[in-house]
Amino acid sequence: MLTGVDPGKDLSSVGRCGRLVAMGALVVALGLGTAIGNDRWWPIGPMVMFAFGVDPNSQVHSLGVEADTVAGKRVVVPLGAGGIGLERAEIEGQQTAIEAEPKRLQAVAVAASRSLPDDPRYRTVYLVDTVQQLKDGAADGAPVRKVLATWQVVDPDHPRDLS
């Protein structure tokens, strides 16, 4: 039990009114977010990435980023807070723009050099779509990787923004 709290004591009319206004605003925001919002409205908008089902006999696409390092090794670029700081959703949201202008992948090399200073720099960066065929809802065969865009990093040892 909380000390110093009298459960029998009523809120003042100002307190009740404030809570009602806050609750009403939240309900309106959630309603608008659901009706006309998109993922950018989070946390009041719908999370459309979870709002659909996948045909159990279709394909599942997973977008990612890979790179060739200056040390000659192909690596999967670690996205997210523990990696280069760019989230996979950010890459997915930029897919069309990256395919149209692969130079946008320079930002991945720049972010990696800042976030992972002890790792080898990236010489070439790839936007990769991994496609898994489904049959009756289960993986059918090995996933297939398709390179959607390729960028040769400008000055791999000291990558910089191109903007």
N, C-alpha and C. Protein backbone atom coordinates (compact mmCIF):
# COMPACT_ATOMS: atom_id res chain seq x y z
N MET A 1 0.83 -1.17 0.00
CA MET A 1 0.00 0.00 0.00
C MET A 1 0.89 1.24 0.00
N LEU A 2 0.47 2.23 -0.77
CA LEU A 2 1.21 3.48 -0.84
C LEU A 2 0.99 4.27 0.44
N THR A 3 2.04 4.84 0.94
CA THR A 3 1.89 5.68 2.13
C THR A 3 1.64 7.12 1.70
N GLY A 4 0.88 7.84 2.48
CA GLY A 4 0.61 9.23 2.16
C GLY A 4 -0.50 9.41 1.14
N VAL A 5 -1.14 8.33 0.69
CA VAL A 5 -2.22 8.42 -0.29
C VAL A 5 -3.50 7.96 0.38
N ASP A 6 -4.50 8.80 0.35
CA ASP A 6 -5.80 8.46 0.93
C ASP A 6 -6.73 8.06 -0.21
N PRO A 7 -6.96 6.73 -0.39
CA PRO A 7 -7.79 6.30 -1.52
C PRO A 7 -9.23 6.80 -1.43
N GLY A 8 -9.65 7.22 -0.29
CA GLY A 8 -11.02 7.72 -0.16
C GLY A 8 -11.15 9.19 -0.51
N LYS A 9 -10.04 9.87 -0.70
CA LYS A 9 -10.09 11.30 -0.99
C LYS A 9 -10.37 11.53 -2.47
N ASP A 10 -11.32 12.37 -2.77
CA ASP A 10 -11.69 12.66 -4.15
C ASP A 10 -10.73 13.66 -4.78
N LEU A 11 -10.64 13.59 -6.10
CA LEU A 11 -9.89 14.59 -6.84
C LEU A 11 -10.67 15.89 -6.82
N SER A 12 -9.97 16.96 -6.93
CA SER A 12 -10.65 18.25 -7.04
C SER A 12 -11.33 18.31 -8.40
N SER A 13 -12.24 19.24 -8.56
CA SER A 13 -12.92 19.37 -9.85
C SER A 13 -11.92 19.77 -10.94
N VAL A 14 -10.92 20.55 -10.60
CA VAL A 14 -9.88 20.92 -11.57
C VAL A 14 -9.09 19.68 -11.98
N GLY A 15 -8.74 18.82 -11.01
CA GLY A 15 -8.02 17.59 -11.30
C GLY A 15 -8.82 16.66 -12.20
N ARG A 16 -10.13 16.50 -11.88
CA ARG A 16 -11.01 15.67 -12.70
C ARG A 16 -11.12 16.22 -14.11
N CYS A 17 -11.29 17.52 -14.22
CA CYS A 17 -11.43 18.17 -15.52
C CYS A 17 -10.14 17.98 -16.33
N GLY A 18 -8.99 18.17 -15.69
CA GLY A 18 -7.71 17.99 -16.38
C GLY A 18 -7.54 16.58 -16.90
N ARG A 19 -7.93 15.61 -16.10
CA ARG A 19 -7.82 14.21 -16.54
C ARG A 19 -8.78 13.91 -17.67
N LEU A 20 -9.98 14.46 -17.62
CA LEU A 20 -10.96 14.25 -18.70
C LEU A 20 -10.47 14.88 -20.01
N VAL A 21 -9.90 16.07 -19.93
CA VAL A 21 -9.37 16.73 -21.12
C VAL A 21 -8.22 15.90 -21.70
N ALA A 22 -7.31 15.44 -20.85
CA ALA A 22 -6.17 14.63 -21.31
C ALA A 22 -6.67 13.33 -21.95
N MET A 23 -7.63 12.68 -21.32
CA MET A 23 -8.18 11.43 -21.86
C MET A 23 -8.88 11.69 -23.19
N GLY A 24 -9.64 12.77 -23.27
CA GLY A 24 -10.32 13.11 -24.52
C GLY A 24 -9.33 13.38 -25.64
N ALA A 25 -8.26 14.13 -25.33
CA ALA A 25 -7.24 14.43 -26.34
C ALA A 25 -6.57 13.14 -26.83
N LEU A 26 -6.30 12.23 -25.91
CA LEU A 26 -5.68 10.96 -26.28
C LEU A 26 -6.60 10.14 -27.17
N VAL A 27 -7.88 10.08 -26.83
CA VAL A 27 -8.84 9.32 -27.64
C VAL A 27 -8.95 9.92 -29.04
N VAL A 28 -9.01 11.26 -29.13
CA VAL A 28 -9.08 11.92 -30.44
C VAL A 28 -7.81 11.63 -31.24
N ALA A 29 -6.64 11.75 -30.61
CA ALA A 29 -5.37 11.49 -31.31
C ALA A 29 -5.29 10.06 -31.80
N LEU A 30 -5.68 9.10 -30.97
CA LEU A 30 -5.66 7.70 -31.40
C LEU A 30 -6.65 7.46 -32.54
N GLY A 31 -7.81 8.08 -32.47
CA GLY A 31 -8.79 7.94 -33.54
C GLY A 31 -8.27 8.49 -34.85
N LEU A 32 -7.69 9.69 -34.81
CA LEU A 32 -7.12 10.28 -36.03
C LEU A 32 -5.94 9.46 -36.53
N GLY A 33 -5.10 9.02 -35.61
CA GLY A 33 -3.95 8.21 -36.00
C GLY A 33 -4.36 6.93 -36.69
N THR A 34 -5.41 6.32 -36.20
CA THR A 34 -5.90 5.08 -36.80
C THR A 34 -6.57 5.34 -38.14
N ALA A 35 -7.35 6.42 -38.23
CA ALA A 35 -8.12 6.69 -39.44
C ALA A 35 -7.26 7.24 -40.58
N ILE A 36 -6.35 8.17 -40.29
CA ILE A 36 -5.61 8.82 -41.36
C ILE A 36 -4.10 8.79 -41.17
N GLY A 37 -3.63 8.27 -40.05
CA GLY A 37 -2.20 8.29 -39.75
C GLY A 37 -1.40 7.27 -40.51
N ASN A 38 -0.10 7.33 -40.32
CA ASN A 38 0.81 6.34 -40.89
C ASN A 38 1.90 6.07 -39.85
N ASP A 39 2.93 5.31 -40.21
CA ASP A 39 3.97 4.94 -39.25
C ASP A 39 4.68 6.15 -38.64
N ARG A 40 4.76 7.25 -39.36
CA ARG A 40 5.43 8.45 -38.83
C ARG A 40 4.64 9.07 -37.68
N TRP A 41 3.38 8.71 -37.52
CA TRP A 41 2.54 9.24 -36.44
C TRP A 41 2.77 8.46 -35.15
N TRP A 42 3.61 7.44 -35.14
CA TRP A 42 3.81 6.62 -33.95
C TRP A 42 4.12 7.52 -32.77
N PRO A 43 3.59 7.27 -31.62
CA PRO A 43 2.88 6.08 -31.16
C PRO A 43 1.36 6.14 -31.31
N ILE A 44 0.84 7.17 -31.97
CA ILE A 44 -0.62 7.23 -32.10
C ILE A 44 -1.11 6.74 -33.44
N GLY A 45 -0.21 6.43 -34.37
CA GLY A 45 -0.61 5.95 -35.68
C GLY A 45 -0.53 4.44 -35.75
N PRO A 46 -1.10 3.87 -36.80
CA PRO A 46 -1.05 2.42 -36.95
C PRO A 46 0.35 1.95 -37.31
N MET A 47 0.71 0.81 -36.83
CA MET A 47 1.98 0.21 -37.20
C MET A 47 1.71 -0.72 -38.38
N VAL A 48 1.68 -0.16 -39.59
CA VAL A 48 1.26 -0.93 -40.75
C VAL A 48 2.17 -2.11 -41.04
N MET A 49 3.41 -2.07 -40.52
CA MET A 49 4.28 -3.21 -40.78
C MET A 49 3.73 -4.49 -40.13
N PHE A 50 2.87 -4.33 -39.12
CA PHE A 50 2.26 -5.48 -38.47
C PHE A 50 0.80 -5.66 -38.86
N ALA A 51 0.31 -4.84 -39.79
CA ALA A 51 -1.11 -4.80 -40.07
C ALA A 51 -1.52 -5.65 -41.27
N PHE A 52 -0.70 -6.58 -41.67
CA PHE A 52 -1.06 -7.40 -42.81
C PHE A 52 -0.57 -8.82 -42.59
N GLY A 53 -1.23 -9.74 -43.26
CA GLY A 53 -0.81 -11.13 -43.21
C GLY A 53 0.00 -11.46 -44.45
N VAL A 54 0.71 -12.53 -44.39
CA VAL A 54 1.50 -12.99 -45.53
C VAL A 54 0.87 -14.27 -46.04
N ASP A 55 0.66 -14.31 -47.34
CA ASP A 55 0.15 -15.52 -47.98
C ASP A 55 1.12 -16.66 -47.66
N PRO A 56 0.62 -17.78 -47.13
CA PRO A 56 1.52 -18.88 -46.74
C PRO A 56 2.26 -19.53 -47.90
N ASN A 57 1.90 -19.15 -49.15
CA ASN A 57 2.59 -19.69 -50.32
C ASN A 57 3.16 -18.55 -51.17
N SER A 58 3.69 -17.54 -50.50
CA SER A 58 4.26 -16.40 -51.21
C SER A 58 5.73 -16.25 -50.85
N GLN A 59 6.20 -15.02 -50.93
CA GLN A 59 7.60 -14.73 -50.59
C GLN A 59 7.64 -13.71 -49.47
N VAL A 60 8.70 -13.79 -48.67
CA VAL A 60 8.96 -12.81 -47.63
C VAL A 60 10.26 -12.10 -48.02
N HIS A 61 10.19 -10.77 -48.05
CA HIS A 61 11.35 -9.96 -48.40
C HIS A 61 11.94 -9.33 -47.14
N SER A 62 13.26 -9.34 -47.04
CA SER A 62 13.94 -8.74 -45.91
C SER A 62 15.07 -7.87 -46.45
N LEU A 63 14.93 -6.56 -46.26
CA LEU A 63 15.92 -5.63 -46.77
C LEU A 63 17.06 -5.47 -45.78
N GLY A 64 18.27 -5.39 -46.28
CA GLY A 64 19.43 -5.22 -45.42
C GLY A 64 20.55 -4.52 -46.17
N VAL A 65 21.65 -4.33 -45.49
CA VAL A 65 22.80 -3.66 -46.08
C VAL A 65 24.03 -4.52 -45.83
N GLU A 66 24.84 -4.69 -46.85
CA GLU A 66 26.11 -5.40 -46.75
C GLU A 66 27.21 -4.49 -47.28
N ALA A 67 28.42 -4.82 -46.96
CA ALA A 67 29.54 -4.01 -47.43
C ALA A 67 30.78 -4.86 -47.63
N ASP A 68 31.61 -4.44 -48.57
CA ASP A 68 32.96 -4.97 -48.71
C ASP A 68 33.86 -4.01 -47.96
N THR A 69 34.69 -4.53 -47.07
CA THR A 69 35.59 -3.67 -46.29
C THR A 69 36.89 -3.44 -47.05
N VAL A 70 37.65 -2.47 -46.58
CA VAL A 70 38.97 -2.22 -47.17
C VAL A 70 39.91 -3.39 -46.89
N ALA A 71 39.55 -4.25 -45.94
CA ALA A 71 40.33 -5.45 -45.63
C ALA A 71 39.96 -6.61 -46.56
N GLY A 72 38.99 -6.39 -47.46
CA GLY A 72 38.64 -7.42 -48.44
C GLY A 72 37.61 -8.42 -47.97
N LYS A 73 36.87 -8.12 -46.93
CA LYS A 73 35.88 -9.05 -46.40
C LYS A 73 34.47 -8.50 -46.62
N ARG A 74 33.54 -9.38 -47.00
CA ARG A 74 32.12 -9.00 -47.12
C ARG A 74 31.48 -9.14 -45.75
N VAL A 75 30.80 -8.08 -45.27
CA VAL A 75 30.17 -8.09 -43.96
C VAL A 75 28.72 -7.64 -44.07
N VAL A 76 27.91 -8.10 -43.13
CA VAL A 76 26.55 -7.58 -42.98
C VAL A 76 26.68 -6.33 -42.12
N VAL A 77 26.16 -5.22 -42.59
CA VAL A 77 26.25 -3.97 -41.85
C VAL A 77 25.32 -4.05 -40.64
N PRO A 78 25.87 -3.86 -39.44
CA PRO A 78 25.03 -3.94 -38.23
C PRO A 78 24.18 -2.67 -38.09
N LEU A 79 22.90 -2.82 -38.35
CA LEU A 79 21.98 -1.69 -38.24
C LEU A 79 21.50 -1.55 -36.80
N GLY A 80 20.92 -0.43 -36.47
CA GLY A 80 20.35 -0.22 -35.15
C GLY A 80 21.31 0.49 -34.21
N ALA A 81 20.82 0.68 -32.99
CA ALA A 81 21.57 1.43 -31.98
C ALA A 81 22.90 0.75 -31.63
N GLY A 82 22.96 -0.56 -31.66
CA GLY A 82 24.20 -1.25 -31.33
C GLY A 82 25.17 -1.33 -32.49
N GLY A 83 24.72 -0.87 -33.65
CA GLY A 83 25.56 -0.91 -34.85
C GLY A 83 25.88 0.50 -35.31
N ILE A 84 25.42 0.83 -36.54
CA ILE A 84 25.77 2.12 -37.12
C ILE A 84 24.78 3.23 -36.76
N GLY A 85 23.72 2.88 -36.04
CA GLY A 85 22.77 3.90 -35.61
C GLY A 85 21.62 4.12 -36.56
N LEU A 86 21.69 3.59 -37.77
CA LEU A 86 20.56 3.65 -38.70
C LEU A 86 19.72 2.40 -38.51
N GLU A 87 18.43 2.58 -38.38
CA GLU A 87 17.54 1.44 -38.20
C GLU A 87 17.16 0.83 -39.56
N ARG A 88 16.82 -0.43 -39.55
CA ARG A 88 16.41 -1.10 -40.78
C ARG A 88 15.18 -0.42 -41.38
N ALA A 89 14.28 0.05 -40.52
CA ALA A 89 13.08 0.73 -41.02
C ALA A 89 13.45 2.00 -41.80
N GLU A 90 14.53 2.67 -41.38
CA GLU A 90 14.97 3.86 -42.11
C GLU A 90 15.47 3.48 -43.51
N ILE A 91 16.20 2.38 -43.57
CA ILE A 91 16.68 1.89 -44.86
C ILE A 91 15.49 1.47 -45.73
N GLU A 92 14.54 0.74 -45.15
CA GLU A 92 13.36 0.31 -45.90
C GLU A 92 12.57 1.51 -46.40
N GLY A 93 12.44 2.53 -45.59
CA GLY A 93 11.71 3.72 -45.99
C GLY A 93 12.40 4.48 -47.12
N GLN A 94 13.71 4.30 -47.26
CA GLN A 94 14.49 4.98 -48.29
C GLN A 94 14.78 4.09 -49.50
N GLN A 95 14.23 2.88 -49.52
CA GLN A 95 14.58 1.92 -50.57
C GLN A 95 14.47 2.49 -51.98
N THR A 96 13.34 3.08 -52.31
CA THR A 96 13.14 3.60 -53.66
C THR A 96 14.15 4.70 -53.97
N ALA A 97 14.38 5.59 -53.00
CA ALA A 97 15.34 6.67 -53.20
C ALA A 97 16.76 6.14 -53.35
N ILE A 98 17.11 5.13 -52.57
CA ILE A 98 18.46 4.53 -52.66
C ILE A 98 18.65 3.86 -54.01
N GLU A 99 17.63 3.14 -54.46
CA GLU A 99 17.74 2.48 -55.77
C GLU A 99 17.90 3.52 -56.88
N ALA A 100 17.19 4.66 -56.75
CA ALA A 100 17.29 5.71 -57.76
C ALA A 100 18.62 6.46 -57.67
N GLU A 101 19.13 6.62 -56.44
CA GLU A 101 20.39 7.33 -56.21
C GLU A 101 21.26 6.52 -55.24
N PRO A 102 21.99 5.53 -55.74
CA PRO A 102 22.81 4.70 -54.84
C PRO A 102 23.81 5.48 -54.01
N LYS A 103 24.14 6.72 -54.41
CA LYS A 103 25.10 7.51 -53.63
C LYS A 103 24.61 7.75 -52.21
N ARG A 104 23.32 7.54 -51.96
CA ARG A 104 22.79 7.66 -50.60
C ARG A 104 23.41 6.64 -49.66
N LEU A 105 23.96 5.56 -50.22
CA LEU A 105 24.62 4.54 -49.40
C LEU A 105 25.94 5.05 -48.81
N GLN A 106 26.43 6.19 -49.30
CA GLN A 106 27.63 6.81 -48.71
C GLN A 106 27.37 7.08 -47.23
N ALA A 107 26.13 7.45 -46.90
CA ALA A 107 25.78 7.74 -45.50
C ALA A 107 25.98 6.53 -44.60
N VAL A 108 25.83 5.33 -45.15
CA VAL A 108 26.06 4.11 -44.37
C VAL A 108 27.54 4.01 -44.02
N ALA A 109 28.40 4.28 -44.99
CA ALA A 109 29.85 4.22 -44.74
C ALA A 109 30.27 5.29 -43.73
N VAL A 110 29.68 6.47 -43.84
CA VAL A 110 30.00 7.55 -42.90
C VAL A 110 29.54 7.17 -41.49
N ALA A 111 28.31 6.66 -41.38
CA ALA A 111 27.78 6.26 -40.07
C ALA A 111 28.63 5.15 -39.46
N ALA A 112 29.06 4.20 -40.28
CA ALA A 112 29.89 3.10 -39.78
C ALA A 112 31.25 3.62 -39.28
N SER A 113 31.83 4.56 -40.00
CA SER A 113 33.15 5.07 -39.57
C SER A 113 33.03 5.82 -38.24
N ARG A 114 31.89 6.45 -38.00
CA ARG A 114 31.69 7.18 -36.74
C ARG A 114 31.30 6.25 -35.60
N SER A 115 30.42 5.29 -35.89
CA SER A 115 29.89 4.42 -34.84
C SER A 115 30.78 3.23 -34.53
N LEU A 116 31.54 2.79 -35.50
CA LEU A 116 32.40 1.60 -35.33
C LEU A 116 33.84 1.96 -35.71
N PRO A 117 34.45 2.88 -34.96
CA PRO A 117 35.76 3.41 -35.37
C PRO A 117 36.87 2.37 -35.44
N ASP A 118 36.74 1.25 -34.73
CA ASP A 118 37.79 0.24 -34.73
C ASP A 118 37.60 -0.83 -35.81
N ASP A 119 36.45 -0.79 -36.51
CA ASP A 119 36.19 -1.76 -37.57
C ASP A 119 36.76 -1.26 -38.89
N PRO A 120 37.09 -2.20 -39.80
CA PRO A 120 37.57 -1.78 -41.12
C PRO A 120 36.52 -0.93 -41.84
N ARG A 121 36.97 0.06 -42.56
CA ARG A 121 36.08 0.95 -43.32
C ARG A 121 35.46 0.19 -44.49
N TYR A 122 34.34 0.73 -44.98
CA TYR A 122 33.64 0.10 -46.10
C TYR A 122 34.13 0.68 -47.42
N ARG A 123 34.45 -0.21 -48.35
CA ARG A 123 34.87 0.19 -49.69
C ARG A 123 33.66 0.25 -50.64
N THR A 124 32.78 -0.74 -50.52
CA THR A 124 31.59 -0.82 -51.36
C THR A 124 30.42 -1.18 -50.46
N VAL A 125 29.28 -0.51 -50.67
CA VAL A 125 28.09 -0.76 -49.86
C VAL A 125 26.97 -1.24 -50.79
N TYR A 126 26.23 -2.25 -50.33
CA TYR A 126 25.17 -2.87 -51.12
C TYR A 126 23.83 -2.82 -50.37
N LEU A 127 22.78 -2.47 -51.08
CA LEU A 127 21.42 -2.62 -50.57
C LEU A 127 20.96 -3.98 -51.06
N VAL A 128 20.60 -4.86 -50.13
CA VAL A 128 20.32 -6.25 -50.47
C VAL A 128 18.93 -6.65 -50.02
N ASP A 129 18.20 -7.31 -50.91
CA ASP A 129 16.89 -7.87 -50.58
C ASP A 129 17.06 -9.39 -50.48
N THR A 130 16.78 -9.94 -49.31
CA THR A 130 16.82 -11.38 -49.13
C THR A 130 15.39 -11.88 -49.24
N VAL A 131 15.17 -12.81 -50.16
CA VAL A 131 13.82 -13.30 -50.44
C VAL A 131 13.73 -14.77 -50.03
N GLN A 132 12.73 -15.04 -49.19
CA GLN A 132 12.49 -16.41 -48.75
C GLN A 132 11.14 -16.87 -49.30
N GLN A 133 11.17 -17.94 -50.08
CA GLN A 133 9.92 -18.51 -50.60
C GLN A 133 9.25 -19.31 -49.49
N LEU A 134 7.93 -19.16 -49.38
CA LEU A 134 7.15 -19.93 -48.40
C LEU A 134 6.31 -20.98 -49.11
N LYS A 135 6.12 -22.09 -48.44
CA LYS A 135 5.20 -23.12 -48.90
C LYS A 135 4.45 -23.60 -47.67
N ASP A 136 3.15 -23.44 -47.67
CA ASP A 136 2.31 -23.79 -46.53
C ASP A 136 2.79 -23.10 -45.25
N GLY A 137 3.27 -21.87 -45.39
CA GLY A 137 3.68 -21.07 -44.24
C GLY A 137 5.07 -21.35 -43.71
N ALA A 138 5.80 -22.28 -44.33
CA ALA A 138 7.16 -22.60 -43.87
C ALA A 138 8.16 -22.26 -44.98
N ALA A 139 9.40 -22.03 -44.58
CA ALA A 139 10.45 -21.73 -45.56
C ALA A 139 10.60 -22.89 -46.52
N ASP A 140 10.69 -22.57 -47.81
CA ASP A 140 10.83 -23.58 -48.86
C ASP A 140 12.11 -23.28 -49.63
N GLY A 141 13.17 -23.98 -49.29
CA GLY A 141 14.44 -23.76 -49.96
C GLY A 141 15.25 -22.68 -49.27
N ALA A 142 16.40 -22.44 -49.84
CA ALA A 142 17.31 -21.44 -49.27
C ALA A 142 16.87 -20.05 -49.70
N PRO A 143 17.10 -19.05 -48.84
CA PRO A 143 16.78 -17.69 -49.24
C PRO A 143 17.66 -17.25 -50.41
N VAL A 144 17.13 -16.35 -51.22
CA VAL A 144 17.85 -15.82 -52.37
C VAL A 144 18.15 -14.35 -52.12
N ARG A 145 19.40 -13.96 -52.30
CA ARG A 145 19.82 -12.57 -52.12
C ARG A 145 19.84 -11.87 -53.46
N LYS A 146 19.29 -10.66 -53.48
CA LYS A 146 19.29 -9.86 -54.70
C LYS A 146 19.85 -8.48 -54.35
N VAL A 147 20.90 -8.06 -55.05
CA VAL A 147 21.49 -6.75 -54.82
C VAL A 147 20.64 -5.72 -55.59
N LEU A 148 20.10 -4.74 -54.85
CA LEU A 148 19.24 -3.72 -55.44
C LEU A 148 20.00 -2.46 -55.81
N ALA A 149 21.07 -2.17 -55.09
CA ALA A 149 21.88 -0.97 -55.36
C ALA A 149 23.29 -1.20 -54.85
N THR A 150 24.26 -0.60 -55.52
CA THR A 150 25.67 -0.72 -55.16
C THR A 150 26.30 0.66 -55.19
N TRP A 151 27.17 0.94 -54.20
CA TRP A 151 27.85 2.23 -54.16
C TRP A 151 29.32 2.03 -53.80
N GLN A 152 30.20 2.61 -54.62
CA GLN A 152 31.62 2.64 -54.33
C GLN A 152 31.86 3.84 -53.41
N VAL A 153 32.29 3.59 -52.19
CA VAL A 153 32.45 4.65 -51.19
C VAL A 153 33.52 5.64 -51.62
N VAL A 154 33.18 6.92 -51.52
CA VAL A 154 34.14 7.98 -51.80
C VAL A 154 35.09 8.08 -50.60
N ASP A 155 36.37 7.94 -50.88
CA ASP A 155 37.43 7.99 -49.86
C ASP A 155 37.14 7.00 -48.72
N PRO A 156 37.22 5.69 -48.98
CA PRO A 156 36.86 4.68 -47.98
C PRO A 156 37.60 4.81 -46.64
N ASP A 157 38.84 5.26 -46.67
CA ASP A 157 39.59 5.37 -45.42
C ASP A 157 39.10 6.52 -44.55
N HIS A 158 38.50 7.53 -45.16
CA HIS A 158 37.96 8.70 -44.44
C HIS A 158 36.64 9.12 -45.10
N PRO A 159 35.61 8.28 -45.03
CA PRO A 159 34.35 8.62 -45.71
C PRO A 159 33.74 9.89 -45.13
N ARG A 160 33.13 10.67 -46.01
CA ARG A 160 32.48 11.92 -45.60
C ARG A 160 31.13 12.04 -46.29
N ASP A 161 30.28 12.86 -45.72
CA ASP A 161 28.97 13.12 -46.34
C ASP A 161 29.18 13.79 -47.68
N LEU A 162 28.32 13.44 -48.63
CA LEU A 162 28.43 14.02 -49.96
C LEU A 162 27.52 15.23 -50.15
N SER A 163 26.72 15.55 -49.14
CA SER A 163 25.79 16.67 -49.31
C SER A 163 26.44 18.01 -49.22
